C-alpha atoms as a PDB file:
ATOM      1  CA  MET A   1       0.000   0.000   0.000  1.00  0.00           C
ATOM      2  CA  SER A   2       1.320   3.427  -0.964  1.00  0.00           C
ATOM      3  CA  GLY A   3       3.327   5.232   1.689  1.00  0.00           C
ATOM      4  CA  TRP A   4       3.999   2.166   3.813  1.00  0.00           C
ATOM      5  CA  ASN A   5       7.521   0.849   4.303  1.00  0.00           C
ATOM      6  CA  VAL A   6       8.275  -2.746   5.266  1.00  0.00           C
ATOM      7  CA  VAL A   7      10.684  -2.585   8.210  1.00  0.00           C
ATOM      8  CA  ARG A   8      10.604  -6.309   8.985  1.00  0.00           C
ATOM      9  CA  ALA A   9       8.574  -9.283   7.782  1.00  0.00           C
ATOM     10  CA  GLY A  10       4.946  -8.583   8.678  1.00  0.00           C
ATOM     11  CA  ILE A  11       5.672  -5.077  10.049  1.00  0.00           C
ATOM     12  CA  GLN A  12       4.934  -1.867   8.153  1.00  0.00           C
ATOM     13  CA  GLU A  13       5.590   1.764   9.066  1.00  0.00           C
ATOM     14  CA  ARG A  14       4.334   5.059   7.670  1.00  0.00           C
ATOM     15  CA  ARG A  15       5.026   8.700   8.537  1.00  0.00           C
ATOM     16  CA  PHE A  16       2.134  11.170   8.507  1.00  0.00           C
ATOM     17  CA  ASP A  17       2.422  14.948   8.099  1.00  0.00           C
ATOM     18  CA  ASP A  18      -1.048  15.905   9.274  1.00  0.00           C
ATOM     19  CA  PRO A  19      -2.674  14.858  12.597  1.00  0.00           C
ATOM     20  CA  ILE A  20      -6.174  14.755  11.117  1.00  0.00           C
ATOM     21  CA  GLU A  21      -4.978  12.400   8.373  1.00  0.00           C
ATOM     22  CA  PHE A  22      -3.181  10.437  11.116  1.00  0.00           C
ATOM     23  CA  LEU A  23      -6.429   9.991  13.079  1.00  0.00           C
ATOM     24  CA  GLY A  24      -8.356   9.241   9.895  1.00  0.00           C
ATOM     25  CA  ALA A  25      -6.001   6.418   8.984  1.00  0.00           C
ATOM     26  CA  LEU A  26      -6.453   4.932  12.454  1.00  0.00           C
ATOM     27  CA  ASP A  27     -10.251   5.102  12.327  1.00  0.00           C
ATOM     28  CA  ALA A  28     -12.240   1.895  11.936  1.00  0.00           C
ATOM     29  CA  SER A  29     -13.631   3.224   8.654  1.00  0.00           C
ATOM     30  CA  SER A  30     -10.145   3.319   7.106  1.00  0.00           C
ATOM     31  CA  SER A  31      -9.519   0.949   4.215  1.00  0.00           C
ATOM     32  CA  LEU A  32      -6.348  -0.197   6.002  1.00  0.00           C
ATOM     33  CA  TRP A  33      -8.316  -2.633   8.117  1.00  0.00           C
ATOM     34  CA  GLY A  34     -10.133  -4.409   5.315  1.00  0.00           C
ATOM     35  CA  ASP A  35     -13.101  -6.502   6.396  1.00  0.00           C
ATOM     36  CA  THR A  36     -11.820  -7.059   9.943  1.00  0.00           C
ATOM     37  CA  PRO A  37     -11.481  -3.664  11.688  1.00  0.00           C
ATOM     38  CA  ASP A  38     -12.438  -5.242  15.021  1.00  0.00           C
ATOM     39  CA  ALA A  39      -9.458  -7.600  14.788  1.00  0.00           C
ATOM     40  CA  TRP A  40      -6.989  -4.748  15.365  1.00  0.00           C
ATOM     41  CA  ILE A  41      -5.846  -3.342  18.703  1.00  0.00           C
ATOM     42  CA  PHE A  42      -3.780  -0.220  19.313  1.00  0.00           C
ATOM     43  CA  ARG A  43      -0.980   1.111  21.502  1.00  0.00           C
ATOM     44  CA  GLY A  44       0.415   4.643  21.727  1.00  0.00           C
ATOM     45  CA  HIS A  45       4.057   5.618  22.294  1.00  0.00           C
ATOM     46  CA  SER A  46       4.902   9.237  23.085  1.00  0.00           C
ATOM     47  CA  ASP A  47       8.380   8.529  21.722  1.00  0.00           C
ATOM     48  CA  ALA A  48       8.392   6.646  18.418  1.00  0.00           C
ATOM     49  CA  ARG A  49      11.817   5.200  19.212  1.00  0.00           C
ATOM     50  CA  TRP A  50      10.470   3.070  22.067  1.00  0.00           C
ATOM     51  CA  ASP A  51      10.359  -0.684  21.574  1.00  0.00           C
ATOM     52  CA  LEU A  52       7.309  -2.826  22.265  1.00  0.00           C
ATOM     53  CA  LEU A  53       8.595  -3.786  25.701  1.00  0.00           C
ATOM     54  CA  PRO A  54       6.485  -3.949  28.883  1.00  0.00           C
ATOM     55  CA  ALA A  55       7.551  -2.208  32.081  1.00  0.00           C
ATOM     56  CA  ALA A  56       8.944  -5.372  33.673  1.00  0.00           C
ATOM     57  CA  HIS A  57      11.365  -5.793  30.772  1.00  0.00           C
ATOM     58  CA  ARG A  58      12.722  -2.237  30.916  1.00  0.00           C
ATOM     59  CA  PRO A  59      15.229  -0.978  33.513  1.00  0.00           C
ATOM     60  CA  GLU A  60      13.619   2.404  34.284  1.00  0.00           C
ATOM     61  CA  PRO A  61      10.527   1.168  36.201  1.00  0.00           C
ATOM     62  CA  TRP A  62      12.710  -0.915  38.509  1.00  0.00           C
ATOM     63  CA  LYS A  63      14.801   2.064  39.621  1.00  0.00           C
ATOM     64  CA  ALA A  64      11.964   3.329  41.824  1.00  0.00           C
ATOM     65  CA  LEU A  65      11.777  -0.085  43.529  1.00  0.00           C
ATOM     66  CA  ALA A  66      15.505  -0.438  44.276  1.00  0.00           C
ATOM     67  CA  LYS A  67      16.638  -0.461  47.908  1.00  0.00           C
ATOM     68  CA  GLN A  68      18.880   2.392  48.897  1.00  0.00           C
ATOM     69  CA  GLY A  69      22.492   1.511  48.297  1.00  0.00           C
ATOM     70  CA  GLU A  70      21.681  -1.423  46.054  1.00  0.00           C
ATOM     71  CA  PRO A  71      21.900  -1.407  42.251  1.00  0.00           C
ATOM     72  CA  PRO A  72      18.525  -1.457  40.493  1.00  0.00           C
ATOM     73  CA  PHE A  73      17.256  -4.569  38.768  1.00  0.00           C
ATOM     74  CA  VAL A  74      18.175  -4.688  35.062  1.00  0.00           C
ATOM     75  CA  PRO A  75      16.002  -7.270  33.229  1.00  0.00           C
ATOM     76  CA  SER A  76      18.342  -7.654  30.251  1.00  0.00           C
ATOM     77  CA  GLU A  77      21.222  -8.706  32.502  1.00  0.00           C
ATOM     78  CA  VAL A  78      19.479 -11.688  34.113  1.00  0.00           C
ATOM     79  CA  THR A  79      17.876 -14.935  32.951  1.00  0.00           C
ATOM     80  CA  GLU A  80      14.213 -15.489  32.156  1.00  0.00           C
ATOM     81  CA  GLU A  81      13.912 -17.597  35.285  1.00  0.00           C
ATOM     82  CA  THR A  82      15.224 -14.716  37.424  1.00  0.00           C
ATOM     83  CA  ARG A  83      12.887 -12.231  35.718  1.00  0.00           C
ATOM     84  CA  LEU A  84       9.895 -14.452  36.467  1.00  0.00           C
ATOM     85  CA  ARG A  85      10.876 -14.725  40.139  1.00  0.00           C
ATOM     86  CA  LYS A  86      11.291 -10.956  40.421  1.00  0.00           C
ATOM     87  CA  GLU A  87       7.952 -10.247  38.773  1.00  0.00           C
ATOM     88  CA  ASP A  88       6.211 -12.833  40.931  1.00  0.00           C
ATOM     89  CA  ALA A  89       7.622 -11.197  44.074  1.00  0.00           C
ATOM     90  CA  VAL A  90       6.040  -7.891  43.007  1.00  0.00           C
ATOM     91  CA  ARG A  91       2.712  -9.642  42.458  1.00  0.00           C
ATOM     92  CA  GLN A  92       2.830 -11.188  45.925  1.00  0.00           C
ATOM     93  CA  GLU A  93       3.666  -7.825  47.503  1.00  0.00           C
ATOM     94  CA  PHE A  94       0.722  -6.291  45.653  1.00  0.00           C
ATOM     95  CA  LEU A  95      -1.685  -8.956  46.932  1.00  0.00           C
ATOM     96  CA  GLU A  96      -0.482  -8.506  50.514  1.00  0.00           C
ATOM     97  CA  ALA A  97      -0.817  -4.730  50.248  1.00  0.00           C
ATOM     98  CA  LEU A  98      -4.364  -5.081  48.893  1.00  0.00           C
ATOM     99  CA  ASP A  99      -5.329  -7.291  51.809  1.00  0.00           C
ATOM    100  CA  ALA A 100      -3.636  -5.074  54.409  1.00  0.00           C
ATOM    101  CA  SER A 101      -5.501  -2.051  53.049  1.00  0.00           C
ATOM    102  CA  GLY A 102      -8.851  -3.680  53.716  1.00  0.00           C
ATOM    103  CA  LEU A 103      -9.634  -4.050  50.027  1.00  0.00           C
ATOM    104  CA  GLN A 104     -11.298  -7.204  48.806  1.00  0.00           C
ATOM    105  CA  VAL A 105      -8.910  -9.727  47.304  1.00  0.00           C
ATOM    106  CA  PRO A 106     -10.847 -12.156  45.090  1.00  0.00           C
ATOM    107  CA  PRO A 107      -9.817 -15.795  45.621  1.00  0.00           C
ATOM    108  CA  GLU A 108      -8.662 -16.163  42.021  1.00  0.00           C
ATOM    109  CA  TYR A 109      -6.105 -13.395  42.624  1.00  0.00           C
ATOM    110  CA  ARG A 110      -4.170 -15.815  44.790  1.00  0.00           C
ATOM    111  CA  THR A 111      -3.785 -18.448  42.100  1.00  0.00           C
ATOM    112  CA  GLN A 112      -0.261 -19.767  42.347  1.00  0.00           C
ATOM    113  CA  GLY A 113       2.043 -20.006  39.380  1.00  0.00           C
ATOM    114  CA  ARG A 114       3.558 -17.675  36.866  1.00  0.00           C
ATOM    115  CA  LEU A 115       2.467 -16.285  33.562  1.00  0.00           C
ATOM    116  CA  ARG A 116       3.373 -19.385  31.606  1.00  0.00           C
ATOM    117  CA  GLY A 117       0.367 -21.090  33.164  1.00  0.00           C
ATOM    118  CA  LEU A 118      -1.727 -17.912  33.328  1.00  0.00           C
ATOM    119  CA  GLY A 119      -4.239 -17.644  36.163  1.00  0.00           C
ATOM    120  CA  ASN A 120      -2.554 -14.479  37.387  1.00  0.00           C
ATOM    121  CA  GLU A 121      -3.756 -12.093  34.721  1.00  0.00           C
ATOM    122  CA  LYS A 122      -6.334 -10.293  36.913  1.00  0.00           C
ATOM    123  CA  PRO A 123      -3.996  -9.085  39.669  1.00  0.00           C
ATOM    124  CA  LEU A 124      -1.284  -8.439  37.109  1.00  0.00           C
ATOM    125  CA  ALA A 125      -3.651  -6.279  35.060  1.00  0.00           C
ATOM    126  CA  LEU A 126      -4.657  -4.304  38.142  1.00  0.00           C
ATOM    127  CA  ALA A 127      -1.047  -3.858  39.269  1.00  0.00           C
ATOM    128  CA  GLN A 128      -0.112  -2.793  35.742  1.00  0.00           C
ATOM    129  CA  HIS A 129      -2.738  -0.059  35.656  1.00  0.00           C
ATOM    130  CA  TYR A 130      -1.545   1.360  38.967  1.00  0.00           C
ATOM    131  CA  GLY A 131       2.099   1.643  38.047  1.00  0.00           C
ATOM    132  CA  LEU A 132       3.780  -1.609  39.106  1.00  0.00           C
ATOM    133  CA  PRO A 133       6.015  -3.349  36.555  1.00  0.00           C
ATOM    134  CA  THR A 134       4.571  -6.455  34.898  1.00  0.00           C
ATOM    135  CA  ARG A 135       5.250  -8.213  31.611  1.00  0.00           C
ATOM    136  CA  LEU A 136       1.830  -7.236  30.314  1.00  0.00           C
ATOM    137  CA  LEU A 137       1.800  -4.654  27.524  1.00  0.00           C
ATOM    138  CA  ASP A 138      -1.225  -2.327  27.430  1.00  0.00           C
ATOM    139  CA  TRP A 139      -3.325  -2.023  24.281  1.00  0.00           C
ATOM    140  CA  SER A 140      -6.758  -0.594  23.528  1.00  0.00           C
ATOM    141  CA  ARG A 141      -9.509  -1.512  21.105  1.00  0.00           C
ATOM    142  CA  GLN A 142      -9.951   2.221  20.533  1.00  0.00           C
ATOM    143  CA  PRO A 143      -7.382   3.870  18.227  1.00  0.00           C
ATOM    144  CA  ASN A 144      -8.172   7.339  19.600  1.00  0.00           C
ATOM    145  CA  VAL A 145      -7.240   6.164  23.090  1.00  0.00           C
ATOM    146  CA  ALA A 146      -3.894   4.943  21.763  1.00  0.00           C
ATOM    147  CA  ALA A 147      -3.404   8.276  19.971  1.00  0.00           C
ATOM    148  CA  TYR A 148      -4.123  10.084  23.249  1.00  0.00           C
ATOM    149  CA  PHE A 149      -1.347   8.204  25.061  1.00  0.00           C
ATOM    150  CA  ALA A 150       0.996   8.823  22.142  1.00  0.00           C
ATOM    151  CA  CYS A 151       0.237  12.536  22.319  1.00  0.00           C
ATOM    152  CA  LEU A 152       1.266  12.883  25.976  1.00  0.00           C
ATOM    153  CA  ARG A 153       4.659  14.554  26.083  1.00  0.00           C
ATOM    154  CA  PRO A 154       7.484  12.267  27.259  1.00  0.00           C
ATOM    155  CA  ARG A 155       9.924  13.159  30.018  1.00  0.00           C
ATOM    156  CA  ASP A 156      12.788  13.310  27.523  1.00  0.00           C
ATOM    157  CA  ALA A 157      12.544  15.222  24.265  1.00  0.00           C
ATOM    158  CA  ALA A 158      11.344  13.182  21.295  1.00  0.00           C
ATOM    159  CA  ASP A 159      11.054  14.024  17.612  1.00  0.00           C
ATOM    160  CA  ASP A 160       8.116  11.739  16.837  1.00  0.00           C
ATOM    161  CA  LEU A 161       5.173   9.973  18.450  1.00  0.00           C
ATOM    162  CA  ALA A 162       3.713   6.695  17.237  1.00  0.00           C
ATOM    163  CA  VAL A 163       0.689   4.431  17.397  1.00  0.00           C
ATOM    164  CA  TRP A 164       1.118   0.700  16.883  1.00  0.00           C
ATOM    165  CA  ALA A 165      -1.684  -1.450  15.458  1.00  0.00           C
ATOM    166  CA  LEU A 166      -1.687  -5.211  15.963  1.00  0.00           C
ATOM    167  CA  HIS A 167      -3.845  -7.775  14.186  1.00  0.00           C
ATOM    168  CA  ALA A 168      -4.750  -9.622  17.351  1.00  0.00           C
ATOM    169  CA  LEU A 169      -7.206 -12.201  16.070  1.00  0.00           C
ATOM    170  CA  CYS A 170      -4.686 -14.806  14.994  1.00  0.00           C
ATOM    171  CA  VAL A 171      -2.495 -14.126  18.024  1.00  0.00           C
ATOM    172  CA  SER A 172      -5.291 -14.877  20.468  1.00  0.00           C
ATOM    173  CA  LYS A 173      -6.705 -17.888  18.610  1.00  0.00           C
ATOM    174  CA  ASP A 174      -3.634 -19.722  17.399  1.00  0.00           C
ATOM    175  CA  PRO A 175      -3.159 -22.621  19.848  1.00  0.00           C
ATOM    176  CA  THR A 176       0.304 -23.424  18.514  1.00  0.00           C
ATOM    177  CA  ARG A 177       1.622 -20.037  19.706  1.00  0.00           C
ATOM    178  CA  ARG A 178      -0.406 -19.326  22.820  1.00  0.00           C
ATOM    179  CA  ASP A 179       2.523 -19.813  25.166  1.00  0.00           C
ATOM    180  CA  GLU A 180       4.612 -17.295  23.213  1.00  0.00           C
ATOM    181  CA  CYS A 181       2.336 -14.460  22.057  1.00  0.00           C
ATOM    182  CA  LEU A 182      -0.773 -13.988  24.131  1.00  0.00           C
ATOM    183  CA  VAL A 183      -3.653 -11.546  23.988  1.00  0.00           C
ATOM    184  CA  ILE A 184      -5.026 -11.325  27.507  1.00  0.00           C
ATOM    185  CA  GLN A 185      -8.489 -10.012  28.323  1.00  0.00           C
ATOM    186  CA  THR A 186      -9.648  -9.802  31.892  1.00  0.00           C
ATOM    187  CA  THR A 187     -12.677  -8.527  33.805  1.00  0.00           C
ATOM    188  CA  ARG A 188     -13.156  -4.789  34.173  1.00  0.00           C
ATOM    189  CA  ALA A 189     -15.397  -4.566  37.238  1.00  0.00           C
ATOM    190  CA  ASP A 190     -12.491  -4.022  39.639  1.00  0.00           C
ATOM    191  CA  ASN A 191     -10.358  -2.015  37.188  1.00  0.00           C
ATOM    192  CA  PRO A 192     -11.998   1.293  36.175  1.00  0.00           C
ATOM    193  CA  ASN A 193      -9.008   2.418  34.099  1.00  0.00           C
ATOM    194  CA  LEU A 194      -9.124  -0.764  32.052  1.00  0.00           C
ATOM    195  CA  HIS A 195     -12.822  -0.252  31.402  1.00  0.00           C
ATOM    196  CA  ALA A 196     -12.451   3.442  30.477  1.00  0.00           C
ATOM    197  CA  GLN A 197      -9.594   2.678  28.092  1.00  0.00           C
ATOM    198  CA  ASP A 198     -11.311  -0.355  26.520  1.00  0.00           C
ATOM    199  CA  GLY A 199      -8.083  -2.085  27.380  1.00  0.00           C
ATOM    200  CA  LEU A 200      -6.492  -5.475  26.999  1.00  0.00           C
ATOM    201  CA  PHE A 201      -2.940  -6.774  27.060  1.00  0.00           C
ATOM    202  CA  THR A 202      -0.375  -8.736  25.152  1.00  0.00           C
ATOM    203  CA  CYS A 203       2.323 -10.897  26.647  1.00  0.00           C
ATOM    204  CA  ALA A 204       5.448 -12.180  24.928  1.00  0.00           C
ATOM    205  CA  GLN A 205       7.146 -15.134  26.566  1.00  0.00           C
ATOM    206  CA  VAL A 206      10.117 -17.389  26.031  1.00  0.00           C
ATOM    207  CA  ARG A 207       9.128 -20.288  23.814  1.00  0.00           C
ATOM    208  CA  ASN A 208       8.424 -23.675  25.274  1.00  0.00           C
ATOM    209  CA  GLY A 209      11.597 -25.716  25.145  1.00  0.00           C
ATOM    210  CA  ASP A 210      13.866 -22.668  25.048  1.00  0.00           C
ATOM    211  CA  ASN A 211      16.491 -22.265  27.731  1.00  0.00           C
ATOM    212  CA  GLN A 212      14.996 -20.547  30.786  1.00  0.00           C
ATOM    213  CA  GLN A 213      18.543 -19.538  31.694  1.00  0.00           C
ATOM    214  CA  ALA A 214      18.891 -17.436  28.545  1.00  0.00           C
ATOM    215  CA  LYS A 215      19.002 -13.665  28.996  1.00  0.00           C
ATOM    216  CA  THR A 216      17.262 -12.737  25.747  1.00  0.00           C
ATOM    217  CA  ILE A 217      14.075 -10.794  26.443  1.00  0.00           C
ATOM    218  CA  PRO A 218      11.095 -11.949  24.343  1.00  0.00           C
ATOM    219  CA  ARG A 219       9.528  -9.228  22.195  1.00  0.00           C
ATOM    220  CA  ILE A 220       6.132  -9.527  20.629  1.00  0.00           C
ATOM    221  CA  ASP A 221       7.120  -7.717  17.416  1.00  0.00           C
ATOM    222  CA  LEU A 222      10.038 -10.072  16.806  1.00  0.00           C
ATOM    223  CA  LEU A 223       7.985 -13.183  17.586  1.00  0.00           C
ATOM    224  CA  LEU A 224       5.174 -12.079  15.280  1.00  0.00           C
ATOM    225  CA  SER A 225       7.592 -11.153  12.507  1.00  0.00           C
ATOM    226  CA  GLU A 226       9.076 -14.644  12.689  1.00  0.00           C
ATOM    227  CA  MET A 227       5.559 -16.050  12.490  1.00  0.00           C
ATOM    228  CA  VAL A 228       4.879 -14.144   9.265  1.00  0.00           C
ATOM    229  CA  ALA A 229       8.294 -15.035   7.807  1.00  0.00           C
ATOM    230  CA  GLY A 230       7.707 -18.733   8.515  1.00  0.00           C
ATOM    231  CA  VAL A 231      10.829 -18.975  10.672  1.00  0.00           C
ATOM    232  CA  THR A 232       8.955 -20.810  13.415  1.00  0.00           C
ATOM    233  CA  PRO A 233       6.942 -23.929  12.505  1.00  0.00           C
ATOM    234  CA  LEU A 234       3.258 -23.468  13.347  1.00  0.00           C
ATOM    235  CA  GLY A 235       2.335 -27.127  13.390  1.00  0.00           C
ATOM    236  CA  PRO A 236      -0.464 -28.843  11.456  1.00  0.00           C
ATOM    237  CA  ASN A 237      -3.364 -26.798  10.063  1.00  0.00           C
ATOM    238  CA  PRO A 238      -1.810 -23.401  10.841  1.00  0.00           C
ATOM    239  CA  PRO A 239      -4.066 -20.344  10.779  1.00  0.00           C
ATOM    240  CA  ASN A 240      -3.916 -17.748   8.037  1.00  0.00           C
ATOM    241  CA  ILE A 241      -1.303 -15.243   9.165  1.00  0.00           C
ATOM    242  CA  PRO A 242      -2.080 -11.664   8.062  1.00  0.00           C
ATOM    243  CA  ASP A 243       0.645  -9.607   6.444  1.00  0.00           C
ATOM    244  CA  PRO A 244       1.082  -7.038   7.819  1.00  0.00           C
ATOM    245  CA  ILE A 245       0.396  -8.207  11.336  1.00  0.00           C
ATOM    246  CA  LEU A 246       1.764  -4.977  12.839  1.00  0.00           C
ATOM    247  CA  ARG A 247       1.553  -1.396  11.586  1.00  0.00           C
ATOM    248  CA  LYS A 248       3.327   1.641  13.032  1.00  0.00           C
ATOM    249  CA  PHE A 249       1.836   5.111  12.474  1.00  0.00           C
ATOM    250  CA  VAL A 250       4.397   7.889  13.041  1.00  0.00           C
ATOM    251  CA  LEU A 251       3.694  11.623  13.489  1.00  0.00           C
ATOM    252  CA  SER A 252       6.107  14.451  14.246  1.00  0.00           C
ATOM    253  CA  ARG A 253       5.743  15.871  17.734  1.00  0.00           C
ATOM    254  CA  GLU A 254       5.552  19.353  16.234  1.00  0.00           C
ATOM    255  CA  HIS A 255       1.915  18.456  15.500  1.00  0.00           C
ATOM    256  CA  ASP A 256       1.040  17.247  19.015  1.00  0.00           C
ATOM    257  CA  GLN A 257      -0.895  20.431  19.925  1.00  0.00           C
ATOM    258  CA  LYS A 258      -3.184  20.018  16.943  1.00  0.00           C
ATOM    259  CA  LEU A 259      -3.516  16.310  17.656  1.00  0.00           C
ATOM    260  CA  MET A 260      -4.489  16.922  21.293  1.00  0.00           C
ATOM    261  CA  GLN A 261      -6.998  19.554  20.158  1.00  0.00           C
ATOM    262  CA  ALA A 262      -8.578  17.032  17.782  1.00  0.00           C
ATOM    263  CA  LEU A 263      -8.698  14.373  20.500  1.00  0.00           C
ATOM    264  CA  HIS A 264     -10.350  16.744  22.990  1.00  0.00           C
ATOM    265  CA  GLN A 265     -12.936  17.600  20.341  1.00  0.00           C
ATOM    266  CA  ARG A 266     -13.614  13.873  20.119  1.00  0.00           C
ATOM    267  CA  ARG A 267     -13.994  13.760  23.935  1.00  0.00           C
ATOM    268  CA  VAL A 268     -10.827  11.751  24.356  1.00  0.00           C
ATOM    269  CA  THR A 269      -9.372  13.441  27.443  1.00  0.00           C
ATOM    270  CA  ALA A 270      -7.655  12.383  30.659  1.00  0.00           C
ATOM    271  CA  SER A 271     -10.962  12.642  32.523  1.00  0.00           C
ATOM    272  CA  ARG A 272     -12.405   9.992  30.206  1.00  0.00           C
ATOM    273  CA  VAL A 273      -9.340   7.757  30.121  1.00  0.00           C
ATOM    274  CA  PHE A 274      -8.641   8.034  33.872  1.00  0.00           C
ATOM    275  CA  PRO A 275     -12.048   8.232  35.600  1.00  0.00           C
ATOM    276  CA  GLY A 276     -12.130  10.287  38.796  1.00  0.00           C
ATOM    277  CA  LEU A 277     -10.775  13.547  40.120  1.00  0.00           C
ATOM    278  CA  SER A 278      -7.189  12.819  39.131  1.00  0.00           C
ATOM    279  CA  GLY A 279      -8.293  12.525  35.501  1.00  0.00           C
ATOM    280  CA  VAL A 280     -10.116  15.855  35.729  1.00  0.00           C
ATOM    281  CA  ALA A 281      -6.966  17.528  37.087  1.00  0.00           C
ATOM    282  CA  MET A 282      -4.916  15.949  34.297  1.00  0.00           C
ATOM    283  CA  THR A 283      -7.363  17.340  31.729  1.00  0.00           C
ATOM    284  CA  VAL A 284      -6.867  20.838  33.136  1.00  0.00           C
ATOM    285  CA  ARG A 285      -3.100  20.408  32.847  1.00  0.00           C
ATOM    286  CA  GLU A 286      -3.486  19.168  29.265  1.00  0.00           C
ATOM    287  CA  ARG A 287      -5.518  22.223  28.298  1.00  0.00           C
ATOM    288  CA  LEU A 288      -2.889  24.536  29.723  1.00  0.00           C
ATOM    289  CA  GLN A 289       0.113  22.571  28.445  1.00  0.00           C
ATOM    290  CA  PHE A 290      -1.220  22.105  24.906  1.00  0.00           C
ATOM    291  CA  GLY A 291      -3.226  25.323  24.694  1.00  0.00           C
ATOM    292  CA  VAL A 292      -6.386  23.322  24.095  1.00  0.00           C
ATOM    293  CA  ALA A 293      -9.777  25.006  24.133  1.00  0.00           C
ATOM    294  CA  GLY A 294     -12.773  22.868  23.552  1.00  0.00           C
ATOM    295  CA  PRO A 295     -15.780  21.004  24.921  1.00  0.00           C
ATOM    296  CA  GLY A 296     -16.389  20.049  28.511  1.00  0.00           C
ATOM    297  CA  PHE A 297     -14.684  17.368  30.504  1.00  0.00           C
END
């Protein structure tokens, strides 16, 4: 398709010069999605250079959890087995803190085991949405929500923002790959942010049979690219793998004011994405920071 560059098997990228065209391409009515617009999910990056890595697989989120005088945890320097133990310790701390705070802890939250066997997706999803590092990667069914997160200005200067689109249907339904690339959906009743953002998650894991002592961090874009390229056998009766399976929409940050204005006009604001008073306060800051004037909260 015109304007799209193939950066890796199954992965396309395109730069946009106009934020309205950017949002139009992301819309469900766009011809990009063919007959299956509901099969795609979206994720926003306020810095287009960022990889598709969850918080637990990046060093920065662990710095805030490091004990004074001790070096912070660096996921890329340890084995998969060590990463799983570290992440599980955070989950256990979260469950104990929930209980100690007098909040209800559903019995299924205490399911033992790690992500390879699942069963822990509910507490992990809740911990993820309140700032604790997990190996879940946030996505939304709503492209405008992803564009909103991409529009937020990063701590460090960035030239471009980006929205990723993932064809999730084959990822979630392909039984031969479920232990490597997962799409995880969990209940929303106890997670208002997840509900407001129409959210779900992906999880990339070390393949079954691979060395758990290896230090290589699994990445969903690399795993999916290998799936499209046929590098990894999919077993008998494999599903039809879409190509592209991932698209990256890139927009210069010089257009972020106009993009935020367009999103506010579409009622995509912090007060809608983060329900409650904190979201209202964030919306006020957005209006001042981006010079946005528009409809109510």
